[in-house]
Amino acid sequence: MDDVKTIHSLLNHFAAKGLLLGRSISSLYDHLRDFIVLTDDQTGQILGVCALQISWDNLAEIRSLAVYETFQGQGFGAQLVQSCLQEAKKLEIGQIFTLTYQAGFFRKQGFTDIDKRDLPHKIWSDCLHCHKFPDCDEEALIFTTNSK
């Protein structure tokens, strides 16, 4: 609970740069259990965050991936994504997608491109309420696990 304001600040920092969509404090509290927070073992400082949100039967989304600029390039983003993928596998979720402005990063993690129209549950649940709908400029990618 103590991390919500820091998470909010981190996400909105990158949202202001147009690199991801911001999240409200209320939304963060609603979905706090979806978040993985990576901290420095010695200082306890937050290095980055990522969320795994279940969307539908056998489908989840990796969202809100952000690593402070001073800690980028050290593999922390990949570590956060891998943690989400491991969690999805434990939950026996076979498909994990992301909508992102950083498609190259996700391709390096094993994600492949997918047409957004192939994600109807996402479009009708979250995207419908986004200020960019229907002109979304994020790229959609998907990762398939061995589960289900």
N, C-alpha and C. Protein backbone atom coordinates (compact mmCIF):
# COMPACT_ATOMS: atom_id res chain seq x y z
N MET A 1 0.83 -1.20 0.00
CA MET A 1 0.00 0.00 0.00
C MET A 1 0.87 1.26 0.00
N ASP A 2 2.01 1.18 0.66
CA ASP A 2 2.87 2.35 0.75
C ASP A 2 3.47 2.75 -0.59
N ASP A 3 3.46 1.84 -1.56
CA ASP A 3 4.10 2.11 -2.86
C ASP A 3 3.19 2.78 -3.87
N VAL A 4 1.90 2.89 -3.60
CA VAL A 4 0.95 3.36 -4.62
C VAL A 4 1.31 4.76 -5.12
N LYS A 5 1.64 5.67 -4.25
CA LYS A 5 1.94 7.03 -4.71
C LYS A 5 3.21 7.07 -5.55
N THR A 6 4.19 6.25 -5.21
CA THR A 6 5.42 6.18 -6.00
C THR A 6 5.14 5.54 -7.35
N ILE A 7 4.34 4.48 -7.37
CA ILE A 7 3.96 3.84 -8.62
C ILE A 7 3.22 4.85 -9.51
N HIS A 8 2.29 5.57 -8.92
CA HIS A 8 1.51 6.58 -9.64
C HIS A 8 2.44 7.62 -10.26
N SER A 9 3.37 8.10 -9.48
CA SER A 9 4.32 9.10 -9.98
C SER A 9 5.17 8.54 -11.12
N LEU A 10 5.66 7.32 -10.96
CA LEU A 10 6.49 6.69 -12.00
C LEU A 10 5.70 6.51 -13.30
N LEU A 11 4.50 5.97 -13.22
CA LEU A 11 3.70 5.74 -14.42
C LEU A 11 3.33 7.05 -15.10
N ASN A 12 2.94 8.02 -14.32
CA ASN A 12 2.54 9.28 -14.92
C ASN A 12 3.73 10.07 -15.46
N HIS A 13 4.92 9.85 -14.92
CA HIS A 13 6.14 10.44 -15.49
C HIS A 13 6.31 9.98 -16.93
N PHE A 14 6.17 8.66 -17.17
CA PHE A 14 6.31 8.14 -18.52
C PHE A 14 5.08 8.44 -19.38
N ALA A 15 3.91 8.56 -18.77
CA ALA A 15 2.72 8.95 -19.52
C ALA A 15 2.87 10.37 -20.06
N ALA A 16 3.45 11.25 -19.28
CA ALA A 16 3.67 12.62 -19.72
C ALA A 16 4.62 12.68 -20.92
N LYS A 17 5.47 11.70 -21.04
CA LYS A 17 6.39 11.62 -22.19
C LYS A 17 5.76 10.88 -23.37
N GLY A 18 4.53 10.40 -23.20
CA GLY A 18 3.84 9.68 -24.26
C GLY A 18 4.31 8.25 -24.45
N LEU A 19 4.94 7.68 -23.41
CA LEU A 19 5.50 6.34 -23.53
C LEU A 19 4.59 5.24 -22.99
N LEU A 20 3.61 5.62 -22.20
CA LEU A 20 2.60 4.67 -21.73
C LEU A 20 1.39 5.46 -21.29
N LEU A 21 0.32 4.75 -21.01
CA LEU A 21 -0.89 5.41 -20.54
C LEU A 21 -0.83 5.56 -19.02
N GLY A 22 -1.19 6.73 -18.55
CA GLY A 22 -1.19 6.97 -17.11
C GLY A 22 -2.30 6.20 -16.42
N ARG A 23 -2.17 6.09 -15.12
CA ARG A 23 -3.17 5.41 -14.30
C ARG A 23 -3.55 6.34 -13.16
N SER A 24 -4.81 6.33 -12.81
CA SER A 24 -5.25 7.14 -11.67
C SER A 24 -4.88 6.43 -10.37
N ILE A 25 -4.82 7.20 -9.30
CA ILE A 25 -4.58 6.61 -7.97
C ILE A 25 -5.65 5.56 -7.67
N SER A 26 -6.89 5.89 -7.98
CA SER A 26 -8.00 4.98 -7.73
C SER A 26 -7.81 3.67 -8.48
N SER A 27 -7.41 3.75 -9.75
CA SER A 27 -7.17 2.55 -10.54
C SER A 27 -6.04 1.72 -9.96
N LEU A 28 -5.01 2.37 -9.47
CA LEU A 28 -3.88 1.64 -8.87
C LEU A 28 -4.32 0.89 -7.62
N TYR A 29 -5.12 1.54 -6.78
CA TYR A 29 -5.62 0.83 -5.61
C TYR A 29 -6.52 -0.34 -6.02
N ASP A 30 -7.36 -0.13 -7.05
CA ASP A 30 -8.25 -1.19 -7.52
C ASP A 30 -7.48 -2.40 -8.03
N HIS A 31 -6.29 -2.16 -8.61
CA HIS A 31 -5.53 -3.24 -9.26
C HIS A 31 -4.18 -3.48 -8.61
N LEU A 32 -4.02 -3.06 -7.37
CA LEU A 32 -2.73 -3.16 -6.70
C LEU A 32 -2.18 -4.59 -6.68
N ARG A 33 -3.05 -5.56 -6.53
CA ARG A 33 -2.60 -6.96 -6.46
C ARG A 33 -2.07 -7.46 -7.80
N ASP A 34 -2.32 -6.72 -8.88
CA ASP A 34 -1.80 -7.10 -10.20
C ASP A 34 -0.34 -6.71 -10.37
N PHE A 35 0.15 -5.80 -9.54
CA PHE A 35 1.48 -5.21 -9.73
C PHE A 35 2.61 -6.01 -9.11
N ILE A 36 3.71 -6.04 -9.85
CA ILE A 36 4.99 -6.51 -9.33
C ILE A 36 5.85 -5.26 -9.18
N VAL A 37 6.42 -5.09 -8.01
CA VAL A 37 7.27 -3.93 -7.75
C VAL A 37 8.68 -4.45 -7.52
N LEU A 38 9.60 -3.99 -8.34
CA LEU A 38 11.00 -4.39 -8.22
C LEU A 38 11.73 -3.32 -7.41
N THR A 39 12.34 -3.76 -6.32
CA THR A 39 13.05 -2.82 -5.45
C THR A 39 14.51 -3.21 -5.31
N ASP A 40 15.32 -2.24 -4.95
CA ASP A 40 16.72 -2.48 -4.64
C ASP A 40 16.79 -3.20 -3.30
N ASP A 41 17.50 -4.31 -3.25
CA ASP A 41 17.57 -5.11 -2.02
C ASP A 41 18.18 -4.35 -0.86
N GLN A 42 19.12 -3.45 -1.14
CA GLN A 42 19.82 -2.75 -0.06
C GLN A 42 19.09 -1.50 0.41
N THR A 43 18.54 -0.73 -0.55
CA THR A 43 17.93 0.55 -0.17
C THR A 43 16.42 0.50 -0.07
N GLY A 44 15.82 -0.50 -0.70
CA GLY A 44 14.36 -0.58 -0.73
C GLY A 44 13.75 0.35 -1.77
N GLN A 45 14.57 1.07 -2.52
CA GLN A 45 14.08 2.00 -3.53
C GLN A 45 13.41 1.23 -4.67
N ILE A 46 12.29 1.75 -5.14
CA ILE A 46 11.61 1.14 -6.28
C ILE A 46 12.43 1.41 -7.53
N LEU A 47 12.70 0.34 -8.29
CA LEU A 47 13.43 0.44 -9.55
C LEU A 47 12.47 0.46 -10.73
N GLY A 48 11.38 -0.31 -10.61
CA GLY A 48 10.41 -0.39 -11.69
C GLY A 48 9.19 -1.18 -11.26
N VAL A 49 8.18 -1.15 -12.13
CA VAL A 49 6.92 -1.84 -11.85
C VAL A 49 6.36 -2.43 -13.14
N CYS A 50 5.48 -3.38 -12.97
CA CYS A 50 4.78 -4.00 -14.09
C CYS A 50 3.54 -4.69 -13.51
N ALA A 51 2.50 -4.78 -14.32
CA ALA A 51 1.28 -5.44 -13.85
C ALA A 51 0.88 -6.56 -14.80
N LEU A 52 0.30 -7.60 -14.22
CA LEU A 52 -0.32 -8.68 -14.98
C LEU A 52 -1.79 -8.66 -14.63
N GLN A 53 -2.62 -8.31 -15.60
CA GLN A 53 -4.06 -8.23 -15.36
C GLN A 53 -4.77 -9.31 -16.16
N ILE A 54 -5.54 -10.12 -15.48
CA ILE A 54 -6.31 -11.16 -16.15
C ILE A 54 -7.46 -10.50 -16.89
N SER A 55 -7.58 -10.84 -18.19
CA SER A 55 -8.60 -10.23 -19.04
C SER A 55 -9.78 -11.15 -19.28
N TRP A 56 -9.50 -12.43 -19.45
CA TRP A 56 -10.54 -13.37 -19.83
C TRP A 56 -10.00 -14.77 -19.61
N ASP A 57 -10.80 -15.77 -19.86
CA ASP A 57 -10.35 -17.15 -19.77
C ASP A 57 -9.12 -17.33 -20.66
N ASN A 58 -8.01 -17.73 -20.04
CA ASN A 58 -6.78 -18.03 -20.76
C ASN A 58 -6.14 -16.80 -21.42
N LEU A 59 -6.45 -15.60 -20.94
CA LEU A 59 -5.90 -14.38 -21.53
C LEU A 59 -5.61 -13.36 -20.43
N ALA A 60 -4.38 -12.84 -20.45
CA ALA A 60 -3.99 -11.80 -19.50
C ALA A 60 -3.19 -10.74 -20.23
N GLU A 61 -3.05 -9.59 -19.60
CA GLU A 61 -2.32 -8.48 -20.20
C GLU A 61 -1.17 -8.05 -19.30
N ILE A 62 -0.03 -7.83 -19.91
CA ILE A 62 1.06 -7.14 -19.22
C ILE A 62 0.89 -5.67 -19.51
N ARG A 63 0.83 -4.88 -18.45
CA ARG A 63 0.59 -3.46 -18.62
C ARG A 63 1.39 -2.67 -17.59
N SER A 64 1.48 -1.39 -17.84
CA SER A 64 2.12 -0.46 -16.90
C SER A 64 3.56 -0.86 -16.56
N LEU A 65 4.32 -1.27 -17.56
CA LEU A 65 5.73 -1.58 -17.35
C LEU A 65 6.52 -0.28 -17.39
N ALA A 66 7.22 0.00 -16.31
CA ALA A 66 8.02 1.22 -16.23
C ALA A 66 9.22 0.98 -15.32
N VAL A 67 10.39 1.42 -15.78
CA VAL A 67 11.62 1.36 -15.00
C VAL A 67 12.21 2.76 -15.02
N TYR A 68 12.57 3.27 -13.86
CA TYR A 68 13.18 4.60 -13.79
C TYR A 68 14.35 4.68 -14.77
N GLU A 69 14.50 5.83 -15.42
CA GLU A 69 15.54 6.01 -16.43
C GLU A 69 16.93 5.65 -15.91
N THR A 70 17.23 5.99 -14.68
CA THR A 70 18.56 5.73 -14.14
C THR A 70 18.85 4.24 -13.99
N PHE A 71 17.82 3.41 -14.05
CA PHE A 71 17.99 1.97 -13.90
C PHE A 71 17.72 1.21 -15.20
N GLN A 72 17.42 1.92 -16.28
CA GLN A 72 17.17 1.25 -17.56
C GLN A 72 18.47 0.71 -18.13
N GLY A 73 18.33 -0.30 -18.98
CA GLY A 73 19.48 -0.91 -19.62
C GLY A 73 20.21 -1.93 -18.75
N GLN A 74 19.61 -2.28 -17.62
CA GLN A 74 20.23 -3.23 -16.70
C GLN A 74 19.44 -4.54 -16.60
N GLY A 75 18.45 -4.70 -17.48
CA GLY A 75 17.67 -5.93 -17.51
C GLY A 75 16.48 -5.95 -16.56
N PHE A 76 16.19 -4.84 -15.90
CA PHE A 76 15.08 -4.84 -14.94
C PHE A 76 13.72 -4.95 -15.61
N GLY A 77 13.56 -4.32 -16.78
CA GLY A 77 12.30 -4.44 -17.52
C GLY A 77 12.05 -5.88 -17.92
N ALA A 78 13.08 -6.54 -18.44
CA ALA A 78 12.96 -7.95 -18.82
C ALA A 78 12.64 -8.81 -17.60
N GLN A 79 13.27 -8.49 -16.47
CA GLN A 79 13.01 -9.24 -15.24
C GLN A 79 11.55 -9.10 -14.82
N LEU A 80 11.01 -7.90 -14.92
CA LEU A 80 9.61 -7.68 -14.56
C LEU A 80 8.68 -8.45 -15.50
N VAL A 81 8.96 -8.40 -16.79
CA VAL A 81 8.13 -9.13 -17.76
C VAL A 81 8.21 -10.63 -17.49
N GLN A 82 9.39 -11.15 -17.24
CA GLN A 82 9.54 -12.57 -16.95
C GLN A 82 8.77 -12.96 -15.69
N SER A 83 8.76 -12.10 -14.70
CA SER A 83 7.98 -12.38 -13.48
C SER A 83 6.49 -12.48 -13.81
N CYS A 84 6.01 -11.59 -14.67
CA CYS A 84 4.60 -11.65 -15.08
C CYS A 84 4.31 -12.93 -15.86
N LEU A 85 5.22 -13.30 -16.75
CA LEU A 85 5.02 -14.52 -17.54
C LEU A 85 5.02 -15.76 -16.65
N GLN A 86 5.88 -15.78 -15.63
CA GLN A 86 5.90 -16.90 -14.69
C GLN A 86 4.61 -16.96 -13.89
N GLU A 87 4.11 -15.81 -13.48
CA GLU A 87 2.83 -15.76 -12.76
C GLU A 87 1.70 -16.28 -13.64
N ALA A 88 1.68 -15.87 -14.91
CA ALA A 88 0.66 -16.33 -15.84
C ALA A 88 0.73 -17.85 -16.00
N LYS A 89 1.93 -18.38 -16.08
CA LYS A 89 2.09 -19.83 -16.22
C LYS A 89 1.56 -20.56 -14.98
N LYS A 90 1.86 -20.02 -13.78
CA LYS A 90 1.33 -20.62 -12.55
C LYS A 90 -0.19 -20.63 -12.55
N LEU A 91 -0.78 -19.59 -13.11
CA LEU A 91 -2.24 -19.48 -13.17
C LEU A 91 -2.83 -20.23 -14.36
N GLU A 92 -1.96 -20.89 -15.12
CA GLU A 92 -2.34 -21.65 -16.30
C GLU A 92 -3.02 -20.79 -17.36
N ILE A 93 -2.51 -19.57 -17.51
CA ILE A 93 -2.98 -18.65 -18.55
C ILE A 93 -2.06 -18.83 -19.75
N GLY A 94 -2.63 -19.18 -20.88
CA GLY A 94 -1.85 -19.54 -22.04
C GLY A 94 -1.45 -18.39 -22.95
N GLN A 95 -2.18 -17.28 -22.89
CA GLN A 95 -1.87 -16.16 -23.77
C GLN A 95 -1.77 -14.87 -22.96
N ILE A 96 -0.67 -14.17 -23.18
CA ILE A 96 -0.43 -12.90 -22.50
C ILE A 96 -0.15 -11.87 -23.58
N PHE A 97 -0.91 -10.79 -23.56
CA PHE A 97 -0.70 -9.76 -24.57
C PHE A 97 -0.28 -8.45 -23.92
N THR A 98 0.15 -7.55 -24.77
CA THR A 98 0.46 -6.21 -24.31
C THR A 98 0.11 -5.23 -25.42
N LEU A 99 -0.28 -4.04 -25.03
CA LEU A 99 -0.43 -2.91 -25.94
C LEU A 99 0.67 -1.94 -25.54
N THR A 100 1.52 -1.57 -26.49
CA THR A 100 2.73 -0.85 -26.11
C THR A 100 3.23 0.10 -27.19
N TYR A 101 4.03 1.05 -26.75
CA TYR A 101 4.80 1.90 -27.66
C TYR A 101 6.23 1.38 -27.78
N GLN A 102 6.55 0.33 -27.05
CA GLN A 102 7.90 -0.24 -27.03
C GLN A 102 7.88 -1.67 -27.58
N ALA A 103 7.35 -1.83 -28.78
CA ALA A 103 7.16 -3.16 -29.36
C ALA A 103 8.48 -3.91 -29.50
N GLY A 104 9.55 -3.24 -29.85
CA GLY A 104 10.84 -3.90 -30.01
C GLY A 104 11.30 -4.59 -28.74
N PHE A 105 11.09 -3.94 -27.61
CA PHE A 105 11.45 -4.53 -26.32
C PHE A 105 10.68 -5.84 -26.11
N PHE A 106 9.38 -5.81 -26.36
CA PHE A 106 8.57 -7.00 -26.13
C PHE A 106 8.89 -8.11 -27.13
N ARG A 107 9.24 -7.75 -28.35
CA ARG A 107 9.66 -8.78 -29.31
C ARG A 107 10.91 -9.50 -28.80
N LYS A 108 11.81 -8.77 -28.17
CA LYS A 108 13.02 -9.39 -27.60
C LYS A 108 12.67 -10.35 -26.47
N GLN A 109 11.51 -10.17 -25.86
CA GLN A 109 11.06 -11.05 -24.77
C GLN A 109 10.26 -12.24 -25.28
N GLY A 110 10.13 -12.37 -26.61
CA GLY A 110 9.43 -13.51 -27.18
C GLY A 110 8.00 -13.24 -27.61
N PHE A 111 7.56 -12.00 -27.53
CA PHE A 111 6.21 -11.64 -27.97
C PHE A 111 6.20 -11.49 -29.49
N THR A 112 5.04 -11.75 -30.08
CA THR A 112 4.88 -11.58 -31.52
C THR A 112 3.71 -10.63 -31.78
N ASP A 113 3.73 -10.00 -32.93
CA ASP A 113 2.70 -9.03 -33.28
C ASP A 113 1.35 -9.72 -33.46
N ILE A 114 0.30 -8.99 -33.10
CA ILE A 114 -1.07 -9.46 -33.26
C ILE A 114 -1.93 -8.24 -33.62
N ASP A 115 -2.97 -8.48 -34.35
CA ASP A 115 -3.90 -7.41 -34.69
C ASP A 115 -4.77 -7.11 -33.46
N LYS A 116 -4.92 -5.84 -33.13
CA LYS A 116 -5.74 -5.46 -31.97
C LYS A 116 -7.17 -5.98 -32.07
N ARG A 117 -7.64 -6.15 -33.28
CA ARG A 117 -9.01 -6.66 -33.47
C ARG A 117 -9.15 -8.10 -32.99
N ASP A 118 -8.01 -8.78 -32.78
CA ASP A 118 -8.05 -10.14 -32.26
C ASP A 118 -8.11 -10.18 -30.73
N LEU A 119 -8.23 -9.02 -30.12
CA LEU A 119 -8.32 -8.92 -28.66
C LEU A 119 -9.65 -8.27 -28.26
N PRO A 120 -10.79 -8.85 -28.65
CA PRO A 120 -12.07 -8.17 -28.42
C PRO A 120 -12.40 -7.91 -26.97
N HIS A 121 -12.03 -8.80 -26.06
CA HIS A 121 -12.37 -8.57 -24.65
C HIS A 121 -11.64 -7.35 -24.12
N LYS A 122 -10.41 -7.15 -24.55
CA LYS A 122 -9.65 -5.98 -24.13
C LYS A 122 -10.30 -4.71 -24.69
N ILE A 123 -10.64 -4.74 -25.97
CA ILE A 123 -11.20 -3.56 -26.61
C ILE A 123 -12.47 -3.12 -25.91
N TRP A 124 -13.34 -4.07 -25.58
CA TRP A 124 -14.62 -3.70 -25.00
C TRP A 124 -14.55 -3.46 -23.50
N SER A 125 -13.52 -3.93 -22.83
CA SER A 125 -13.46 -3.70 -21.39
C SER A 125 -12.68 -2.45 -21.01
N ASP A 126 -11.49 -2.27 -21.56
CA ASP A 126 -10.65 -1.13 -21.17
C ASP A 126 -10.56 -0.06 -22.25
N CYS A 127 -10.31 -0.48 -23.46
CA CYS A 127 -10.02 0.48 -24.52
C CYS A 127 -11.18 1.42 -24.78
N LEU A 128 -12.39 0.94 -24.60
CA LEU A 128 -13.57 1.75 -24.83
C LEU A 128 -13.57 3.01 -23.98
N HIS A 129 -12.90 2.95 -22.82
CA HIS A 129 -12.87 4.08 -21.90
C HIS A 129 -11.62 4.95 -22.04
N CYS A 130 -10.73 4.58 -22.94
CA CYS A 130 -9.47 5.29 -23.12
C CYS A 130 -9.68 6.55 -23.96
N HIS A 131 -8.95 7.60 -23.64
CA HIS A 131 -9.08 8.85 -24.41
C HIS A 131 -8.55 8.71 -25.84
N LYS A 132 -7.82 7.64 -26.13
CA LYS A 132 -7.29 7.43 -27.49
C LYS A 132 -8.21 6.56 -28.35
N PHE A 133 -9.26 5.99 -27.75
CA PHE A 133 -10.17 5.14 -28.51
C PHE A 133 -11.02 5.99 -29.44
N PRO A 134 -11.21 5.62 -30.70
CA PRO A 134 -10.81 4.38 -31.36
C PRO A 134 -9.49 4.53 -32.15
N ASP A 135 -8.77 5.60 -31.94
CA ASP A 135 -7.56 5.86 -32.71
C ASP A 135 -6.30 5.49 -31.94
N CYS A 136 -6.27 4.31 -31.38
CA CYS A 136 -5.14 3.84 -30.59
C CYS A 136 -3.89 3.71 -31.46
N ASP A 137 -2.78 4.24 -30.95
CA ASP A 137 -1.53 4.14 -31.70
C ASP A 137 -0.54 3.17 -31.04
N GLU A 138 -1.01 2.41 -30.06
CA GLU A 138 -0.15 1.39 -29.45
C GLU A 138 -0.13 0.15 -30.35
N GLU A 139 0.96 -0.61 -30.25
CA GLU A 139 1.06 -1.86 -30.98
C GLU A 139 0.65 -3.00 -30.06
N ALA A 140 0.01 -4.01 -30.63
CA ALA A 140 -0.42 -5.18 -29.87
C ALA A 140 0.54 -6.34 -30.15
N LEU A 141 0.96 -6.99 -29.08
CA LEU A 141 1.82 -8.17 -29.19
C LEU A 141 1.30 -9.23 -28.23
N ILE A 142 1.63 -10.49 -28.52
CA ILE A 142 1.14 -11.59 -27.70
C ILE A 142 2.26 -12.60 -27.46
N PHE A 143 2.18 -13.25 -26.32
CA PHE A 143 3.11 -14.31 -25.92
C PHE A 143 2.25 -15.52 -25.59
N THR A 144 2.62 -16.68 -26.10
CA THR A 144 1.88 -17.90 -25.83
C THR A 144 2.74 -18.83 -24.99
N THR A 145 2.18 -19.29 -23.86
CA THR A 145 2.89 -20.20 -22.98
C THR A 145 2.47 -21.63 -23.32
N ASN A 146 3.03 -22.56 -22.59
CA ASN A 146 2.67 -23.98 -22.77
C ASN A 146 1.44 -24.35 -21.97
N SER A 147 0.91 -23.41 -21.18
CA SER A 147 -0.27 -23.69 -20.35
C SER A 147 -1.51 -23.70 -21.22
N LYS A 148 -2.47 -24.51 -20.82
CA LYS A 148 -3.77 -24.66 -21.47
C LYS A 148 -3.58 -24.86 -22.95
